[in-house]
Amino acid sequence: MMLKFDPESYLAVQRGAVALAPEIRTAVRAWLDDGGRNLFFMGAGGVNFLMLPAARLLQTRSTLPVHIEMSAEIVHSGSAHLGPGSLAVFPSVSGTTKEAVAALRFARSRGATILSLTSHPSTPIAELADIAFSNACADPTSSENFHLQSLLLALAIMDARGELDDYDAVVAELRRLPDLLVAAKQAFEARAEALAIEIADEQHHIMTSAGGSWFEAMYYGMCILEEMQWIWTRPVHASDFFHGTLELLESDTSVFILKGEDEQRPLTDRVERFARTVTERVRVIDTLDFELPGLSPRVRALVSPIVLAAVLERLSTHLERVRGHDLTIRRYYKKGDF
């Protein structure tokens, strides 16, 4: 038995995300055929972190110009690159995030095409979009959902531009992923419970990673440990760890290292080698520990952030129980107009 986990509901969400592949591919081709020239990821808050592995994939594997903007900033600064021919992507579970709605209206006023990814179609962000995709999800399932949709968007762009020669094969592997994620959660359950008990009373953590998995470290530190558990967390990229953060380590410093399988893995290996010489509290969560049968090494690298999101949800659920702190409790967020 797994704590507060419904496999069928989970599978419905993740299968729903993968099922959007043909529609996303069609929409991308139409936008490019109509003169699409650059891409903007413009969400607000943690959900925008979930877009960033796909954004980074495009920045390193495609020549399409890709911009990453904070919704709250772009309405003040603007961008010389935003205008007709731009595709502005807005992810939101609720579809109501005020900073995202304001940025969406700003992008539309500049002539950009708006693509939304929401949980429900009858929301402001979905209704204001030119291209709207919806897949019912909530906090326990949304990370994987948005990771998958943004990855499908990136793959479709590269396919349409002739920068990916095996789109169909990659998507065929992704269709296997929902069931593999359930298996990964099951495999991690006992460790998640033990780790939650181990860190229940710890109030400070350093969380590090690199490559596509770095964005999951940012997300988990800020949106789960800080927002949902009120635990101080210091996310730091593995490449920056040796430019300041290493001086914080003492024998009892908690260091979480999230390891993926892309070309940046050696950066996390380096942090682990050093951290183990100083602190007894090195916690490594490594996607290589999960079998994921049927996935090629290339696709395993692409989905490492998704696998980490899936298993970290089990840690969150057990932390909620052992700390007596419900994940939905907030002191300030959505408690007032600020």
Protein backbone atom coordinates (compact mmCIF):
# COMPACT_ATOMS: atom_id res chain seq x y z
CA MET A 1 0.00 0.00 0.00
CA MET A 2 1.18 3.51 -0.86
CA LEU A 3 0.30 6.51 1.26
CA LYS A 4 -2.41 8.70 -0.34
CA PHE A 5 -1.80 7.46 -3.87
CA ASP A 6 -4.41 6.48 -6.46
CA PRO A 7 -2.61 4.82 -9.38
CA GLU A 8 -5.58 4.99 -11.74
CA SER A 9 -6.14 8.71 -11.23
CA TYR A 10 -2.43 9.34 -11.64
CA LEU A 11 -2.27 7.31 -14.84
CA ALA A 12 -5.27 9.16 -16.26
CA VAL A 13 -3.48 12.49 -15.85
CA GLN A 14 -0.14 11.42 -17.30
CA ARG A 15 -1.70 9.46 -20.15
CA GLY A 16 -3.81 12.51 -20.88
CA ALA A 17 -0.67 14.62 -21.13
CA VAL A 18 1.02 12.23 -23.58
CA ALA A 19 -2.19 11.94 -25.60
CA LEU A 20 -1.89 15.63 -26.50
CA ALA A 21 1.15 14.87 -28.69
CA PRO A 22 -0.70 14.86 -32.06
CA GLU A 23 -2.60 18.08 -31.29
CA ILE A 24 0.54 19.85 -30.10
CA ARG A 25 2.40 18.71 -33.22
CA THR A 26 -0.37 20.01 -35.49
CA ALA A 27 -0.54 23.36 -33.70
CA VAL A 28 3.24 23.82 -33.84
CA ARG A 29 3.38 23.11 -37.57
CA ALA A 30 0.57 25.58 -38.24
CA TRP A 31 2.28 28.29 -36.19
CA LEU A 32 5.63 27.78 -37.93
CA ASP A 33 3.98 27.67 -41.36
CA ASP A 34 2.31 30.97 -40.52
CA GLY A 35 5.66 32.66 -39.93
CA GLY A 36 6.55 31.61 -36.40
CA ARG A 37 9.96 33.03 -35.56
CA ASN A 38 10.61 32.71 -31.81
CA LEU A 39 9.28 31.16 -28.63
CA PHE A 40 8.63 32.66 -25.22
CA PHE A 41 8.03 30.74 -21.99
CA MET A 42 6.18 33.26 -19.83
CA GLY A 43 4.51 31.52 -16.92
CA ALA A 44 4.47 32.68 -13.31
CA GLY A 45 5.75 30.94 -10.20
CA GLY A 46 6.81 27.35 -9.87
CA VAL A 47 4.91 26.04 -12.87
CA ASN A 48 7.27 27.99 -15.12
CA PHE A 49 10.20 25.98 -13.71
CA LEU A 50 8.51 22.91 -15.17
CA MET A 51 8.83 24.42 -18.67
CA LEU A 52 12.54 24.99 -18.39
CA PRO A 53 13.93 21.53 -19.20
CA ALA A 54 12.11 21.81 -22.53
CA ALA A 55 13.30 25.39 -22.98
CA ARG A 56 16.87 24.30 -22.32
CA LEU A 57 16.50 21.41 -24.75
CA LEU A 58 15.49 23.85 -27.47
CA GLN A 59 18.28 26.27 -26.59
CA THR A 60 20.87 23.53 -27.00
CA ARG A 61 19.38 21.42 -29.81
CA SER A 62 17.43 23.90 -31.97
CA THR A 63 18.27 27.15 -33.72
CA LEU A 64 14.83 28.58 -32.98
CA PRO A 65 15.32 31.58 -30.66
CA VAL A 66 13.89 30.73 -27.23
CA HIS A 67 13.27 33.28 -24.48
CA ILE A 68 12.47 32.63 -20.81
CA GLU A 69 10.61 35.47 -19.11
CA MET A 70 8.99 36.08 -15.74
CA SER A 71 5.43 37.26 -16.23
CA ALA A 72 5.76 39.85 -13.49
CA GLU A 73 8.82 41.39 -15.18
CA ILE A 74 7.99 41.45 -18.86
CA VAL A 75 4.96 43.69 -18.42
CA HIS A 76 7.35 46.33 -17.04
CA SER A 77 10.40 45.79 -19.24
CA GLY A 78 8.89 44.47 -22.45
CA SER A 79 11.09 42.65 -24.96
CA ALA A 80 12.36 43.76 -28.35
CA HIS A 81 11.94 40.15 -29.50
CA LEU A 82 8.25 39.79 -28.57
CA GLY A 83 5.75 40.51 -31.33
CA PRO A 84 4.11 39.04 -34.44
CA GLY A 85 5.62 35.61 -35.08
CA SER A 86 6.24 34.99 -31.37
CA LEU A 87 4.62 32.04 -29.61
CA ALA A 88 4.11 32.82 -25.91
CA VAL A 89 3.53 29.77 -23.71
CA PHE A 90 1.56 30.16 -20.48
CA PRO A 91 1.24 27.15 -18.14
CA SER A 92 -1.09 27.32 -15.15
CA VAL A 93 -2.89 24.70 -13.08
CA SER A 94 -5.66 27.08 -12.04
CA GLY A 95 -5.66 29.17 -15.21
CA THR A 96 -6.16 32.25 -13.07
CA THR A 97 -2.68 33.32 -11.88
CA LYS A 98 -2.87 37.10 -11.95
CA GLU A 99 0.74 37.76 -13.03
CA ALA A 100 0.32 35.30 -15.91
CA VAL A 101 -3.01 36.83 -16.99
CA ALA A 102 -1.42 40.29 -17.07
CA ALA A 103 1.57 39.02 -19.07
CA LEU A 104 -0.72 37.16 -21.45
CA ARG A 105 -2.68 40.34 -22.17
CA PHE A 106 0.62 42.18 -22.66
CA ALA A 107 1.91 39.55 -25.11
CA ARG A 108 -1.34 39.65 -27.07
CA SER A 109 -1.12 43.44 -27.28
CA ARG A 110 2.28 43.00 -28.93
CA GLY A 111 0.89 40.64 -31.55
CA ALA A 112 2.18 37.34 -30.14
CA THR A 113 0.31 34.06 -30.54
CA ILE A 114 -0.71 32.68 -27.14
CA LEU A 115 -0.50 28.99 -26.24
CA SER A 116 -1.91 27.93 -22.87
CA LEU A 117 -1.47 24.75 -20.86
CA THR A 118 -4.07 24.53 -18.09
CA SER A 119 -5.97 22.05 -16.01
CA HIS A 120 -9.38 23.37 -17.08
CA PRO A 121 -10.53 24.97 -20.35
CA SER A 122 -13.00 27.38 -18.72
CA THR A 123 -10.41 29.65 -17.12
CA PRO A 124 -9.12 33.12 -18.06
CA ILE A 125 -5.73 31.92 -19.33
CA ALA A 126 -7.28 29.19 -21.49
CA GLU A 127 -10.06 31.40 -22.80
CA LEU A 128 -7.67 34.23 -23.74
CA ALA A 129 -5.31 31.89 -25.60
CA ASP A 130 -5.17 31.39 -29.35
CA ILE A 131 -4.13 27.77 -28.83
CA ALA A 132 -5.40 26.12 -25.65
CA PHE A 133 -4.55 22.69 -24.29
CA SER A 134 -6.15 21.40 -21.10
CA ASN A 135 -5.54 18.25 -19.09
CA ALA A 136 -7.16 17.86 -15.69
CA CYS A 137 -4.51 17.77 -12.97
CA ALA A 138 -3.80 19.02 -9.45
CA ASP A 139 -0.73 19.59 -7.29
CA PRO A 140 0.16 15.88 -6.74
CA THR A 141 0.09 15.20 -10.50
CA SER A 142 0.77 18.54 -12.17
CA SER A 143 4.56 18.49 -12.26
CA GLU A 144 4.82 15.45 -14.50
CA ASN A 145 1.89 16.72 -16.57
CA PHE A 146 3.56 20.05 -17.39
CA HIS A 147 6.99 18.50 -17.84
CA LEU A 148 5.49 16.13 -20.42
CA GLN A 149 3.48 18.74 -22.30
CA SER A 150 6.41 21.13 -22.60
CA LEU A 151 8.70 18.30 -23.73
CA LEU A 152 6.17 17.35 -26.41
CA LEU A 153 6.08 20.99 -27.50
CA ALA A 154 9.87 21.11 -27.81
CA LEU A 155 10.01 17.82 -29.71
CA ALA A 156 7.29 18.97 -32.10
CA ILE A 157 9.17 22.18 -32.83
CA MET A 158 12.40 20.35 -33.57
CA ASP A 159 10.54 17.82 -35.70
CA ALA A 160 8.82 20.51 -37.77
CA ARG A 161 12.10 22.34 -38.29
CA GLY A 162 13.97 19.24 -39.40
CA GLU A 163 16.07 19.15 -36.23
CA LEU A 164 14.81 15.79 -34.98
CA ASP A 165 14.82 12.70 -37.18
CA ASP A 166 13.04 10.22 -34.90
CA TYR A 167 10.10 12.13 -33.41
CA ASP A 168 7.68 9.20 -33.74
CA ALA A 169 10.06 6.79 -32.01
CA VAL A 170 10.67 9.18 -29.11
CA VAL A 171 6.94 9.82 -28.61
CA ALA A 172 6.27 6.08 -28.76
CA GLU A 173 8.66 5.65 -25.83
CA LEU A 174 7.00 8.52 -23.96
CA ARG A 175 3.68 6.70 -24.19
CA ARG A 176 5.18 4.04 -21.93
CA LEU A 177 6.22 6.57 -19.34
CA PRO A 178 3.02 6.91 -17.23
CA ASP A 179 3.11 3.24 -16.20
CA LEU A 180 6.86 3.43 -15.61
CA LEU A 181 6.37 6.43 -13.33
CA VAL A 182 3.91 4.46 -11.21
CA ALA A 183 6.51 1.70 -10.91
CA ALA A 184 9.18 4.25 -9.95
CA LYS A 185 6.92 5.65 -7.23
CA GLN A 186 6.30 2.16 -5.90
CA ALA A 187 10.02 1.40 -5.89
CA PHE A 188 10.78 4.62 -4.02
CA GLU A 189 7.98 4.37 -1.46
CA ALA A 190 9.94 2.73 1.35
CA ARG A 191 12.87 5.10 0.92
CA ALA A 192 10.52 8.08 0.77
CA GLU A 193 9.01 7.12 4.11
CA ALA A 194 12.41 6.52 5.72
CA LEU A 195 13.84 9.75 4.34
CA ALA A 196 10.84 11.76 5.52
CA ILE A 197 11.30 10.41 9.05
CA GLU A 198 15.04 11.13 8.86
CA ILE A 199 14.64 14.80 7.87
CA ALA A 200 11.38 15.55 9.67
CA ASP A 201 12.99 17.94 12.15
CA GLU A 202 15.63 19.43 9.85
CA GLN A 203 14.95 23.03 8.88
CA HIS A 204 17.71 23.78 6.37
CA HIS A 205 18.71 21.99 3.16
CA ILE A 206 20.97 22.68 0.19
CA MET A 207 19.44 21.25 -2.97
CA THR A 208 21.56 20.90 -6.08
CA SER A 209 21.42 19.43 -9.55
CA ALA A 210 22.40 20.19 -13.15
CA GLY A 211 21.12 19.89 -16.69
CA GLY A 212 17.40 19.38 -17.13
CA SER A 213 17.09 18.08 -13.57
CA TRP A 214 18.29 21.39 -12.14
CA PHE A 215 14.90 22.93 -12.74
CA GLU A 216 13.22 20.19 -10.72
CA ALA A 217 15.61 20.98 -7.85
CA MET A 218 14.56 24.64 -8.04
CA TYR A 219 10.90 23.69 -8.15
CA TYR A 220 11.04 21.20 -5.30
CA GLY A 221 13.03 23.48 -3.06
CA MET A 222 10.86 26.56 -3.54
CA CYS A 223 7.39 25.20 -4.25
CA ILE A 224 7.34 22.13 -2.02
CA LEU A 225 9.81 22.41 0.84
CA GLU A 226 9.46 26.17 1.23
CA GLU A 227 5.86 26.84 0.22
CA MET A 228 4.21 23.65 1.37
CA GLN A 229 6.39 22.68 4.34
CA TRP A 230 7.95 26.01 5.43
CA ILE A 231 11.44 24.52 5.37
CA TRP A 232 14.38 26.76 4.46
CA THR A 233 15.98 25.50 1.27
CA ARG A 234 18.95 26.75 -0.76
CA PRO A 235 18.72 25.57 -4.37
CA VAL A 236 22.09 25.98 -6.10
CA HIS A 237 23.19 24.76 -9.52
CA ALA A 238 25.90 22.10 -9.31
CA SER A 239 28.21 24.24 -11.44
CA ASP A 240 27.86 27.11 -8.95
CA PHE A 241 28.27 24.92 -5.88
CA PHE A 242 32.02 25.48 -5.89
CA HIS A 243 31.71 29.26 -6.19
CA GLY A 244 30.39 30.00 -2.71
CA THR A 245 27.98 27.38 -1.40
CA LEU A 246 30.66 24.82 -0.53
CA GLU A 247 31.81 27.10 2.31
CA LEU A 248 28.52 26.45 4.12
CA LEU A 249 29.17 22.75 4.52
CA GLU A 250 29.76 21.33 7.98
CA SER A 251 29.51 17.79 9.26
CA ASP A 252 25.73 18.01 9.72
CA THR A 253 24.78 20.09 6.66
CA SER A 254 21.98 18.52 4.61
CA VAL A 255 22.78 18.34 0.90
CA PHE A 256 20.24 16.90 -1.52
CA ILE A 257 21.71 15.93 -4.90
CA LEU A 258 19.24 15.20 -7.70
CA LYS A 259 20.95 13.22 -10.44
CA GLY A 260 19.64 12.89 -13.96
CA GLU A 261 21.08 11.12 -16.97
CA ASP A 262 21.90 13.88 -19.44
CA GLU A 263 25.33 15.20 -20.38
CA GLN A 264 25.50 17.39 -17.25
CA ARG A 265 25.54 14.44 -14.83
CA PRO A 266 29.33 14.82 -14.19
CA LEU A 267 28.58 18.15 -12.48
CA THR A 268 26.46 16.43 -9.83
CA ASP A 269 29.03 13.65 -9.49
CA ARG A 270 31.61 16.31 -8.62
CA VAL A 271 29.38 17.81 -5.91
CA GLU A 272 28.74 14.38 -4.42
CA ARG A 273 32.45 13.53 -4.29
CA PHE A 274 33.22 16.72 -2.39
CA ALA A 275 30.15 16.78 -0.13
CA ARG A 276 30.83 13.28 1.17
CA THR A 277 34.24 14.43 2.42
CA VAL A 278 32.59 17.00 4.70
CA THR A 279 29.03 16.15 5.69
CA GLU A 280 27.33 12.97 6.85
CA ARG A 281 24.00 14.18 5.45
CA VAL A 282 24.32 13.71 1.70
CA ARG A 283 21.01 12.59 0.19
CA VAL A 284 21.27 11.46 -3.44
CA ILE A 285 18.18 10.76 -5.52
CA ASP A 286 19.35 9.26 -8.80
CA THR A 287 17.18 8.39 -11.80
CA LEU A 288 19.63 5.59 -12.66
CA ASP A 289 18.24 3.72 -9.65
CA PHE A 290 14.92 3.21 -11.47
CA GLU A 291 14.57 0.50 -14.10
CA LEU A 292 12.30 2.25 -16.66
CA PRO A 293 12.23 -0.75 -19.03
CA GLY A 294 11.73 0.08 -22.69
CA LEU A 295 13.25 3.54 -22.54
CA SER A 296 16.42 4.22 -24.52
CA PRO A 297 19.31 6.09 -22.88
CA ARG A 298 18.42 9.15 -24.94
CA VAL A 299 14.82 9.21 -23.72
CA ARG A 300 15.87 8.41 -20.15
CA ALA A 301 17.97 11.57 -20.26
CA LEU A 302 15.01 13.59 -21.55
CA VAL A 303 12.63 12.33 -18.86
CA SER A 304 14.99 12.47 -15.86
CA PRO A 305 13.26 15.61 -14.48
CA ILE A 306 9.89 13.86 -14.83
CA VAL A 307 11.08 10.78 -12.96
CA LEU A 308 12.49 12.96 -10.18
CA ALA A 309 9.21 14.86 -9.94
CA ALA A 310 7.31 11.59 -9.64
CA VAL A 311 9.40 10.11 -6.84
CA LEU A 312 9.81 13.38 -4.96
CA GLU A 313 6.03 13.55 -4.68
CA ARG A 314 6.24 10.44 -2.52
CA LEU A 315 8.71 12.20 -0.22
CA SER A 316 6.35 15.18 0.00
CA THR A 317 3.43 12.97 0.95
CA HIS A 318 5.39 11.27 3.73
CA LEU A 319 6.80 14.59 4.96
CA GLU A 320 3.25 15.87 5.27
CA ARG A 321 2.38 12.96 7.54
CA VAL A 322 5.48 12.78 9.73
CA ARG A 323 5.64 16.55 10.23
CA GLY A 324 1.90 16.93 10.79
CA HIS A 325 1.90 19.72 8.19
CA ASP A 326 -0.67 19.38 5.42
CA LEU A 327 0.69 20.29 1.99
CA THR A 328 -2.27 22.59 1.36
CA ILE A 329 -1.66 24.87 4.35
CA ARG A 330 -0.58 28.43 3.51
CA ARG A 331 0.01 31.44 5.74
CA TYR A 332 -0.04 34.10 3.04
CA TYR A 333 -0.41 32.73 -0.50
CA LYS A 334 -3.85 33.58 -1.89
CA LYS A 335 -4.78 34.90 1.57
CA GLY A 336 -4.81 38.52 0.51
CA ASP A 337 -4.27 40.95 -2.34
CA PHE A 338 -0.54 41.64 -2.48
